[in-house]
Structure formats: C-alpha cells, structure tokens
Amino acid sequence: MKTILLSLLAIAAPVSDEPVEATCTPLPGVEALGDVQRPDFVIMGEAHGTAEIPAAFADLVCAYAAAGTPLTVGLEFLPAEQPALDAYLASNGDDGAKAALLASPAWMIRDGRASQAIFGLIEALRKMKATHGDLAVVAFDHPSERPGTSAAREKGMAELLLAAKRERSTAPVLALTGNGHAGKSEWTSLGPPFPAMSQLLPADKTLAISFHVEGGAIWACSRETPEAEETCGPRPIRVQSESRPRGITPGSTRKGFDATLSVGSAFTASPPAKPAS
C-alpha cells in the first residue's frame, strides 16, 4: 500500500539540518468526502479510549494537509488548554515540551480523553504543522453544569467551532469528539432530549462520521455505585458489526451520521498519556 509522505523538519534534539520523513497511512474513502458536498465541518465521532480512532483521524487530517488545504483541527479540550497546545505545536517535541504539555490540567483525566493515542494525535499534528504552516488547532470543549453533557455544553462546543470557522474562513474544520457530540441528532438517552453539537452546525455544510464496532477493548472509567471509588482500565466491548476493511464509507446505521469509519480491526485500549502519580 502506498503511503502519503510528508517531509518534516527534524527539529528535535539532536538537531539536524536534514529533513525527516514521516508517513501517513492512507485512509480509503477520504477522497470522496467532498464529492457530495464541500463540507465546512467534518466531525469524526469516537469512543474515547481507543488507540485506533485517533490514529485514523490523524490520517484524515494528513490527507487534507497533503493536498495543501488550509486546515483548522478541533480537539475536545477546554479552551483553557489552548496555550499549552499552542506551545507544544510550536515546540520541537522534546522531553521538556512533552512534560510541559502533560503538566496542564486536562492530562489529569484518567479516561480516554487524555490517552496515549490522543497525545500521539497531537504529536502527529505538530509534525504536520512543521511543513504545513496553514494548520491551526483549536480546543473546543465547553464545561457542563451537570455530569457528562448538557444542552449548554453542546451549544458552547458548537459556538467554538463556528467561531474557529469565522476566524479562518477558507479552512475546513476537522474535529474529533465523542460520538454523542458528533451526530446531527438529539441526545435521546437524556431527558428532556436536546440537540447534540453537530446538530447546531450548518446542516448542509457538516459531515458527521461515526464508526463500526468490531469488538476489542477501550480504556474507560466507571463506578459500581455513585458513592464508590472510580476505577479505570481496559473495558471489553462487544462486537456490534461485521468486520470491514479500514476506511470511510458513505452512510451509517446510526441516526444523524453521513458516513462510517472502520478501523479494520477490533479496538485496542489506549491508557492515559500521563502515568498515575
């Protein structure tokens, strides 16, 4: 299989004047995303805590970058994390830069939102930005007044992505977020139902991508009772769909989605990027 090659400036110690090559694995189906519409927003839903979905999202971004497209990439972090993200993206990615990023509050989270795979995605974005200067990363999460999510959180997340699009009007917004936020439908499991984030984006300019579940495990946290101590670790997930080749295909069995990602395998749990103290 051919790979999309990005020539990356080697600025990590030891310093070298020679460029290094990093590869992005092609993600079949990406080239068709703009055939039906020219989406301003491409929202990929994920199950937090997998190794495979953030890697697939990185390859989606890489395909756009290889085409020379200006890009805004949205990550599900609170805006307070923006300075730490910007500093890391501008760094050489050495141990000091990594430690500084992981010292920010978001990485204290023990579930899949602050996983090794998410850190790997940010590192991939740092390398892309080194040669694709017209790439910006925006933290677009919003606090919720209740555990989990709320109408106010969904509205706040959408407003941050809309603001990012206004600020860089020529750049499509590619965002990775929990699958519930990504669908263009209501949170029907919560009462009363309220619109999810993607439902608050322009419908004709938003492409929402869900995912196949072929079993495996995710890294997650849970409590046996509300009063019990939270425990985190790999959690098995049952097979929900037949195995399909890796790639993005049009259509979805899930309400509110336009396309479906298959990672081509069972999921692998991705533990926290910051080791427990």
Foldseek 3Di string as FASTA:
>chain_A
DDWQKDFFQQCEPVHDRHTDIDTQHAFPPLVCPPVVHQALEEEEADDFFFLQPLSVLLSSVVVCLSVLAQAEEEAADPQVLQVLLVQLLPDNNYPVNVVSSCPDPVLVDWFRSQFPSVVVSSVSNSRSCRRNVSYHYGHQFDDAPDPDHDQVRLCSSLVRVVVVCVVVVRHRYYYYYHLQQQFLAWPVVDPPTHGHNVVPHPPRNYAGEYEAAQKEWGWGWDAPDPVGDIDIDTDTDHHDDDFDQAHKDADDPDHRHGIYGYSRDHTYGTTHPDDDD
